[in-house]
Amino acid sequence: MILNIPELLKPSQITQARELLEKAEWIDGKLSAGAQAAQVKNNQEIAKNHSAAQQISQMITAALAANKLFAMAALPSKISPPSFNRYESRQTYGPHIDNAIRPLPGGGLIRGDISATLFLSNPEDYDGGELTVEDTFGTHQIKLPSGHMVIYPASSLHQVKPVTRGVRLASFFWIQSLIRNDGQRTLLFDLELATQGIRQKDPQHPSIMSLVGVYNNLLRQWSEI
């Protein structure tokens, strides 16, 4: 499932994040890439322990915790601390698949079931830079307004097209879901949306209890805790 999460951050938060990122020290993005990814990666990133990265990361984490659409779609168990990248002057990140397992700060591991990109630049501020994700339905070109986020299966082949004008700023991170399988997550998400649609039209509809029961029994059968 590829899903846009609109307006995760407020305009005031975007302004604050950009101000912090403008003053931050950027390093070669290859330093955080594996051997295979480093061959196609050409961008800049901020060190995870940088004060700007930590401050914006806390802002994003709080916004994720309050976002109901994200919770419904991702069913998050663990979320990696948000990282930040910058593309300009034809920088790009060629086709790749994200690592399955990643270390967490302070110890522990996270399984990357879902990848997330939060756009921090407006589309009119740069040319190129589309996030391109391939799935069974074809190739998707994604370029969202600042503050909007897209989530997609981490197993997808994806890339960032070259930025030919301006600067593209974004945050990226990974989610370990309670539901490892993307198809099962999608079914639960669709079921939840359908149930909410019935509830809005008729809060007392007799099918609601049955649908909620089906949802929870599927969650009980598929989830990993």
C-alpha atoms as a PDB file:
ATOM      1  CA  MET A   1       0.000   0.000   0.000  1.00  0.00           C
ATOM      2  CA  ILE A   2       1.199   3.461  -0.946  1.00  0.00           C
ATOM      3  CA  LEU A   3      -0.598   6.120   1.069  1.00  0.00           C
ATOM      4  CA  ASN A   4      -0.287   9.891   1.340  1.00  0.00           C
ATOM      5  CA  ILE A   5      -0.619  11.334   4.858  1.00  0.00           C
ATOM      6  CA  PRO A   6      -1.622  14.993   4.329  1.00  0.00           C
ATOM      7  CA  GLU A   7      -0.494  17.838   6.577  1.00  0.00           C
ATOM      8  CA  LEU A   8       1.436  15.791   9.114  1.00  0.00           C
ATOM      9  CA  LEU A   9       3.262  18.984  10.100  1.00  0.00           C
ATOM     10  CA  LYS A  10       1.713  22.440  10.417  1.00  0.00           C
ATOM     11  CA  PRO A  11       3.085  25.385   8.365  1.00  0.00           C
ATOM     12  CA  SER A  12       4.666  26.880  11.495  1.00  0.00           C
ATOM     13  CA  GLN A  13       6.455  23.595  12.162  1.00  0.00           C
ATOM     14  CA  ILE A  14       7.712  23.454   8.579  1.00  0.00           C
ATOM     15  CA  THR A  15       9.102  26.977   8.930  1.00  0.00           C
ATOM     16  CA  GLN A  16      10.865  26.044  12.152  1.00  0.00           C
ATOM     17  CA  ALA A  17      12.274  22.859  10.624  1.00  0.00           C
ATOM     18  CA  ARG A  18      13.634  24.693   7.584  1.00  0.00           C
ATOM     19  CA  GLU A  19      15.301  27.327   9.736  1.00  0.00           C
ATOM     20  CA  LEU A  20      17.047  24.619  11.737  1.00  0.00           C
ATOM     21  CA  LEU A  21      18.087  22.710   8.623  1.00  0.00           C
ATOM     22  CA  GLU A  22      19.520  25.831   6.956  1.00  0.00           C
ATOM     23  CA  LYS A  23      21.934  26.251   9.873  1.00  0.00           C
ATOM     24  CA  ALA A  24      22.814  22.560  10.142  1.00  0.00           C
ATOM     25  CA  GLU A  25      26.012  20.905   8.952  1.00  0.00           C
ATOM     26  CA  TRP A  26      25.386  18.504   6.064  1.00  0.00           C
ATOM     27  CA  ILE A  27      27.557  15.466   5.334  1.00  0.00           C
ATOM     28  CA  ASP A  28      27.874  12.997   2.466  1.00  0.00           C
ATOM     29  CA  GLY A  29      24.835  10.688   2.435  1.00  0.00           C
ATOM     30  CA  LYS A  30      26.978   7.752   1.346  1.00  0.00           C
ATOM     31  CA  LEU A  31      28.294   7.522   4.908  1.00  0.00           C
ATOM     32  CA  SER A  32      24.984   6.021   6.076  1.00  0.00           C
ATOM     33  CA  ALA A  33      24.508   3.693   3.086  1.00  0.00           C
ATOM     34  CA  GLY A  34      25.331   0.030   2.744  1.00  0.00           C
ATOM     35  CA  ALA A  35      27.836  -1.168   0.158  1.00  0.00           C
ATOM     36  CA  GLN A  36      25.209  -1.716  -2.534  1.00  0.00           C
ATOM     37  CA  ALA A  37      23.195   1.479  -1.902  1.00  0.00           C
ATOM     38  CA  ALA A  38      26.352   3.631  -1.769  1.00  0.00           C
ATOM     39  CA  GLN A  39      26.902   2.910  -5.471  1.00  0.00           C
ATOM     40  CA  VAL A  40      23.693   4.778  -6.435  1.00  0.00           C
ATOM     41  CA  LYS A  41      23.383   7.287  -3.575  1.00  0.00           C
ATOM     42  CA  ASN A  42      24.386  10.914  -4.092  1.00  0.00           C
ATOM     43  CA  ASN A  43      22.856  13.295  -1.543  1.00  0.00           C
ATOM     44  CA  GLN A  44      23.546  15.046   1.746  1.00  0.00           C
ATOM     45  CA  GLU A  45      22.353  14.137   5.223  1.00  0.00           C
ATOM     46  CA  ILE A  46      22.563  15.429   8.769  1.00  0.00           C
ATOM     47  CA  ALA A  47      24.305  13.350  11.426  1.00  0.00           C
ATOM     48  CA  LYS A  48      21.747  11.647  13.665  1.00  0.00           C
ATOM     49  CA  ASN A  49      23.253  13.186  16.803  1.00  0.00           C
ATOM     50  CA  HIS A  50      23.083  16.739  15.417  1.00  0.00           C
ATOM     51  CA  SER A  51      20.975  19.035  17.615  1.00  0.00           C
ATOM     52  CA  ALA A  52      18.830  20.167  14.664  1.00  0.00           C
ATOM     53  CA  ALA A  53      18.087  16.579  13.665  1.00  0.00           C
ATOM     54  CA  GLN A  54      17.113  15.675  17.221  1.00  0.00           C
ATOM     55  CA  GLN A  55      14.867  18.716  17.641  1.00  0.00           C
ATOM     56  CA  ILE A  56      12.977  18.179  14.379  1.00  0.00           C
ATOM     57  CA  SER A  57      12.845  14.437  15.021  1.00  0.00           C
ATOM     58  CA  GLN A  58      10.983  15.039  18.282  1.00  0.00           C
ATOM     59  CA  MET A  59       8.523  17.292  16.443  1.00  0.00           C
ATOM     60  CA  ILE A  60       7.842  14.624  13.815  1.00  0.00           C
ATOM     61  CA  THR A  61       7.536  11.817  16.349  1.00  0.00           C
ATOM     62  CA  ALA A  62       4.919  13.783  18.282  1.00  0.00           C
ATOM     63  CA  ALA A  63       2.983  14.482  15.077  1.00  0.00           C
ATOM     64  CA  LEU A  64       3.020  10.795  14.154  1.00  0.00           C
ATOM     65  CA  ALA A  65       1.679   9.815  17.579  1.00  0.00           C
ATOM     66  CA  ALA A  66      -1.283  12.185  17.105  1.00  0.00           C
ATOM     67  CA  ASN A  67      -2.112  11.231  13.508  1.00  0.00           C
ATOM     68  CA  LYS A  68      -5.022   8.758  13.293  1.00  0.00           C
ATOM     69  CA  LEU A  69      -4.618   8.027   9.576  1.00  0.00           C
ATOM     70  CA  PHE A  70      -0.984   7.025  10.090  1.00  0.00           C
ATOM     71  CA  ALA A  71      -1.911   4.795  13.036  1.00  0.00           C
ATOM     72  CA  MET A  72      -4.675   3.079  11.033  1.00  0.00           C
ATOM     73  CA  ALA A  73      -2.497   2.440   7.989  1.00  0.00           C
ATOM     74  CA  ALA A  74       0.857   1.597   9.558  1.00  0.00           C
ATOM     75  CA  LEU A  75      -0.210  -0.072  12.839  1.00  0.00           C
ATOM     76  CA  PRO A  76       3.218   0.908  14.173  1.00  0.00           C
ATOM     77  CA  SER A  77       5.128  -1.168  16.683  1.00  0.00           C
ATOM     78  CA  LYS A  78       8.472   0.658  16.407  1.00  0.00           C
ATOM     79  CA  ILE A  79       9.536   3.797  14.538  1.00  0.00           C
ATOM     80  CA  SER A  80      13.135   4.655  13.759  1.00  0.00           C
ATOM     81  CA  PRO A  81      14.240   8.204  14.640  1.00  0.00           C
ATOM     82  CA  PRO A  82      13.581  10.450  11.609  1.00  0.00           C
ATOM     83  CA  SER A  83      16.625  11.323   9.505  1.00  0.00           C
ATOM     84  CA  PHE A  84      17.013  14.196   7.046  1.00  0.00           C
ATOM     85  CA  ASN A  85      18.370  14.519   3.525  1.00  0.00           C
ATOM     86  CA  ARG A  86      19.042  17.227   0.971  1.00  0.00           C
ATOM     87  CA  TYR A  87      19.285  17.033  -2.828  1.00  0.00           C
ATOM     88  CA  GLU A  88      20.542  19.744  -5.203  1.00  0.00           C
ATOM     89  CA  SER A  89      22.683  20.174  -8.343  1.00  0.00           C
ATOM     90  CA  ARG A  90      21.517  16.933 -10.005  1.00  0.00           C
ATOM     91  CA  GLN A  91      21.958  14.858  -6.872  1.00  0.00           C
ATOM     92  CA  THR A  92      19.949  11.658  -6.901  1.00  0.00           C
ATOM     93  CA  TYR A  93      19.427   8.293  -5.232  1.00  0.00           C
ATOM     94  CA  GLY A  94      19.208   5.539  -7.816  1.00  0.00           C
ATOM     95  CA  PRO A  95      17.017   2.426  -7.696  1.00  0.00           C
ATOM     96  CA  HIS A  96      17.372   0.489  -4.453  1.00  0.00           C
ATOM     97  CA  ILE A  97      15.516  -1.503  -1.795  1.00  0.00           C
ATOM     98  CA  ASP A  98      15.864  -0.472   1.843  1.00  0.00           C
ATOM     99  CA  ASN A  99      17.647  -2.727   4.326  1.00  0.00           C
ATOM    100  CA  ALA A 100      15.357  -5.135   6.147  1.00  0.00           C
ATOM    101  CA  ILE A 101      16.917  -4.717   9.602  1.00  0.00           C
ATOM    102  CA  ARG A 102      18.332  -1.529  11.099  1.00  0.00           C
ATOM    103  CA  PRO A 103      19.935  -0.700  14.452  1.00  0.00           C
ATOM    104  CA  LEU A 104      18.199   1.662  16.851  1.00  0.00           C
ATOM    105  CA  PRO A 105      20.027   4.308  18.896  1.00  0.00           C
ATOM    106  CA  GLY A 106      20.951   2.947  22.291  1.00  0.00           C
ATOM    107  CA  GLY A 107      20.669  -0.659  21.154  1.00  0.00           C
ATOM    108  CA  GLY A 108      18.002  -2.892  19.720  1.00  0.00           C
ATOM    109  CA  LEU A 109      16.870  -3.479  16.160  1.00  0.00           C
ATOM    110  CA  ILE A 110      13.941  -2.472  13.975  1.00  0.00           C
ATOM    111  CA  ARG A 111      12.530  -4.430  11.053  1.00  0.00           C
ATOM    112  CA  GLY A 112      11.756  -2.045   8.225  1.00  0.00           C
ATOM    113  CA  ASP A 113       8.266  -3.019   7.070  1.00  0.00           C
ATOM    114  CA  ILE A 114       7.261   0.466   5.907  1.00  0.00           C
ATOM    115  CA  SER A 115       9.324   3.335   4.508  1.00  0.00           C
ATOM    116  CA  ALA A 116       8.237   6.930   5.048  1.00  0.00           C
ATOM    117  CA  THR A 117       9.199  10.178   3.326  1.00  0.00           C
ATOM    118  CA  LEU A 118       8.064  13.504   4.788  1.00  0.00           C
ATOM    119  CA  PHE A 119       8.482  16.356   2.310  1.00  0.00           C
ATOM    120  CA  LEU A 120       9.909  19.571   3.793  1.00  0.00           C
ATOM    121  CA  SER A 121      10.191  21.558   0.536  1.00  0.00           C
ATOM    122  CA  ASN A 122       7.320  22.715  -1.633  1.00  0.00           C
ATOM    123  CA  PRO A 123       7.131  21.191  -5.150  1.00  0.00           C
ATOM    124  CA  GLU A 124       7.574  24.600  -6.793  1.00  0.00           C
ATOM    125  CA  ASP A 125      10.884  25.105  -4.964  1.00  0.00           C
ATOM    126  CA  TYR A 126      12.701  22.493  -7.039  1.00  0.00           C
ATOM    127  CA  ASP A 127      12.558  20.591 -10.328  1.00  0.00           C
ATOM    128  CA  GLY A 128      12.940  16.825 -10.440  1.00  0.00           C
ATOM    129  CA  GLY A 129      13.400  15.031  -7.138  1.00  0.00           C
ATOM    130  CA  GLU A 130      10.323  12.816  -7.520  1.00  0.00           C
ATOM    131  CA  LEU A 131      10.186   9.803  -5.242  1.00  0.00           C
ATOM    132  CA  THR A 132       9.542   6.914  -7.627  1.00  0.00           C
ATOM    133  CA  VAL A 133       8.092   3.727  -6.151  1.00  0.00           C
ATOM    134  CA  GLU A 134       7.403   0.529  -8.067  1.00  0.00           C
ATOM    135  CA  ASP A 135       4.705  -1.952  -7.070  1.00  0.00           C
ATOM    136  CA  THR A 136       2.417  -4.496  -8.748  1.00  0.00           C
ATOM    137  CA  PHE A 137       0.304  -1.656 -10.175  1.00  0.00           C
ATOM    138  CA  GLY A 138       3.205   0.086 -11.922  1.00  0.00           C
ATOM    139  CA  THR A 139       5.509   3.019 -11.205  1.00  0.00           C
ATOM    140  CA  HIS A 140       4.344   5.882  -8.998  1.00  0.00           C
ATOM    141  CA  GLN A 141       5.887   9.377  -9.159  1.00  0.00           C
ATOM    142  CA  ILE A 142       5.435  11.139  -5.807  1.00  0.00           C
ATOM    143  CA  LYS A 143       6.120  14.818  -5.120  1.00  0.00           C
ATOM    144  CA  LEU A 144       4.020  16.211  -2.278  1.00  0.00           C
ATOM    145  CA  PRO A 145       3.568  19.636  -0.643  1.00  0.00           C
ATOM    146  CA  SER A 146       5.718  20.422   2.374  1.00  0.00           C
ATOM    147  CA  GLY A 147       4.389  18.854   5.545  1.00  0.00           C
ATOM    148  CA  HIS A 148       2.811  15.944   3.654  1.00  0.00           C
ATOM    149  CA  MET A 149       4.155  12.402   4.020  1.00  0.00           C
ATOM    150  CA  VAL A 150       3.978   9.220   1.979  1.00  0.00           C
ATOM    151  CA  ILE A 151       4.339   5.687   3.340  1.00  0.00           C
ATOM    152  CA  TYR A 152       5.035   2.630   1.180  1.00  0.00           C
ATOM    153  CA  PRO A 153       6.328  -0.934   1.601  1.00  0.00           C
ATOM    154  CA  ALA A 154      10.024  -0.936   2.429  1.00  0.00           C
ATOM    155  CA  SER A 155      10.380  -3.946   0.148  1.00  0.00           C
ATOM    156  CA  SER A 156       9.554  -1.754  -2.871  1.00  0.00           C
ATOM    157  CA  LEU A 157      12.148  -0.811  -5.468  1.00  0.00           C
ATOM    158  CA  HIS A 158      12.320   2.980  -5.306  1.00  0.00           C
ATOM    159  CA  GLN A 159      14.519   5.960  -6.133  1.00  0.00           C
ATOM    160  CA  VAL A 160      14.768   9.747  -5.970  1.00  0.00           C
ATOM    161  CA  LYS A 161      15.077  11.362  -9.396  1.00  0.00           C
ATOM    162  CA  PRO A 162      17.826  13.961  -9.971  1.00  0.00           C
ATOM    163  CA  VAL A 163      17.078  17.452  -8.686  1.00  0.00           C
ATOM    164  CA  THR A 164      17.790  19.799 -11.581  1.00  0.00           C
ATOM    165  CA  ARG A 165      16.827  23.111  -9.927  1.00  0.00           C
ATOM    166  CA  GLY A 166      16.568  24.277  -6.343  1.00  0.00           C
ATOM    167  CA  VAL A 167      16.842  22.203  -3.179  1.00  0.00           C
ATOM    168  CA  ARG A 168      14.762  19.239  -2.034  1.00  0.00           C
ATOM    169  CA  LEU A 169      14.592  18.744   1.748  1.00  0.00           C
ATOM    170  CA  ALA A 170      12.912  15.742   3.311  1.00  0.00           C
ATOM    171  CA  SER A 171      12.789  13.524   6.360  1.00  0.00           C
ATOM    172  CA  PHE A 172      12.836   9.747   6.059  1.00  0.00           C
ATOM    173  CA  PHE A 173      12.416   6.875   8.489  1.00  0.00           C
ATOM    174  CA  TRP A 174      11.140   3.321   8.840  1.00  0.00           C
ATOM    175  CA  ILE A 175       8.303   1.639  10.689  1.00  0.00           C
ATOM    176  CA  GLN A 176       8.076  -1.863  12.089  1.00  0.00           C
ATOM    177  CA  SER A 177       4.398  -2.730  11.965  1.00  0.00           C
ATOM    178  CA  LEU A 178       2.342  -4.991  14.174  1.00  0.00           C
ATOM    179  CA  ILE A 179       1.387  -6.588  10.832  1.00  0.00           C
ATOM    180  CA  ARG A 180       4.454  -7.640   8.869  1.00  0.00           C
ATOM    181  CA  ASN A 181       2.584  -8.458   5.636  1.00  0.00           C
ATOM    182  CA  ASP A 182       1.643  -5.473   3.466  1.00  0.00           C
ATOM    183  CA  GLY A 183      -1.377  -7.222   1.958  1.00  0.00           C
ATOM    184  CA  GLN A 184      -2.777  -7.972   5.404  1.00  0.00           C
ATOM    185  CA  ARG A 185      -2.177  -4.383   6.541  1.00  0.00           C
ATOM    186  CA  THR A 186      -4.041  -3.135   3.483  1.00  0.00           C
ATOM    187  CA  LEU A 187      -7.024  -5.407   4.172  1.00  0.00           C
ATOM    188  CA  LEU A 188      -7.227  -4.191   7.775  1.00  0.00           C
ATOM    189  CA  PHE A 189      -6.982  -0.569   6.658  1.00  0.00           C
ATOM    190  CA  ASP A 190      -9.752  -1.015   4.078  1.00  0.00           C
ATOM    191  CA  LEU A 191     -11.931  -2.796   6.644  1.00  0.00           C
ATOM    192  CA  GLU A 192     -11.430   0.015   9.151  1.00  0.00           C
ATOM    193  CA  LEU A 193     -12.307   2.655   6.552  1.00  0.00           C
ATOM    194  CA  ALA A 194     -15.455   0.756   5.555  1.00  0.00           C
ATOM    195  CA  THR A 195     -16.526   0.433   9.181  1.00  0.00           C
ATOM    196  CA  GLN A 196     -15.996   4.142   9.780  1.00  0.00           C
ATOM    197  CA  GLY A 197     -18.040   4.956   6.682  1.00  0.00           C
ATOM    198  CA  ILE A 198     -20.998   2.946   7.967  1.00  0.00           C
ATOM    199  CA  ARG A 199     -20.649   4.454  11.447  1.00  0.00           C
ATOM    200  CA  GLN A 200     -20.778   8.001  10.060  1.00  0.00           C
ATOM    201  CA  LYS A 201     -24.016   7.296   8.171  1.00  0.00           C
ATOM    202  CA  ASP A 202     -25.683   5.202  10.896  1.00  0.00           C
ATOM    203  CA  PRO A 203     -23.931   4.958  14.300  1.00  0.00           C
ATOM    204  CA  GLN A 204     -26.382   2.241  15.382  1.00  0.00           C
ATOM    205  CA  HIS A 205     -26.072   0.052  12.285  1.00  0.00           C
ATOM    206  CA  PRO A 206     -26.124  -3.622  13.362  1.00  0.00           C
ATOM    207  CA  SER A 207     -23.202  -4.516  11.051  1.00  0.00           C
ATOM    208  CA  ILE A 208     -20.761  -2.317  12.956  1.00  0.00           C
ATOM    209  CA  MET A 209     -20.270  -4.730  15.858  1.00  0.00           C
ATOM    210  CA  SER A 210     -19.715  -7.615  13.460  1.00  0.00           C
ATOM    211  CA  LEU A 211     -17.153  -5.658  11.408  1.00  0.00           C
ATOM    212  CA  VAL A 212     -15.298  -4.545  14.525  1.00  0.00           C
ATOM    213  CA  GLY A 213     -15.209  -8.163  15.659  1.00  0.00           C
ATOM    214  CA  VAL A 214     -13.811  -9.323  12.321  1.00  0.00           C
ATOM    215  CA  TYR A 215     -11.157  -6.582  12.429  1.00  0.00           C
ATOM    216  CA  ASN A 216      -9.999  -7.507  15.914  1.00  0.00           C
ATOM    217  CA  ASN A 217      -9.967 -11.224  15.220  1.00  0.00           C
ATOM    218  CA  LEU A 218      -7.851 -10.703  12.105  1.00  0.00           C
ATOM    219  CA  LEU A 219      -5.552  -8.418  14.077  1.00  0.00           C
ATOM    220  CA  ARG A 220      -5.304 -11.093  16.774  1.00  0.00           C
ATOM    221  CA  GLN A 221      -4.438 -13.736  14.186  1.00  0.00           C
ATOM    222  CA  TRP A 222      -1.910 -11.707  12.158  1.00  0.00           C
ATOM    223  CA  SER A 223      -0.214  -9.417  14.648  1.00  0.00           C
ATOM    224  CA  GLU A 224       3.277  -9.807  16.088  1.00  0.00           C
ATOM    225  CA  ILE A 225       3.915  -8.384  19.544  1.00  0.00           C
END
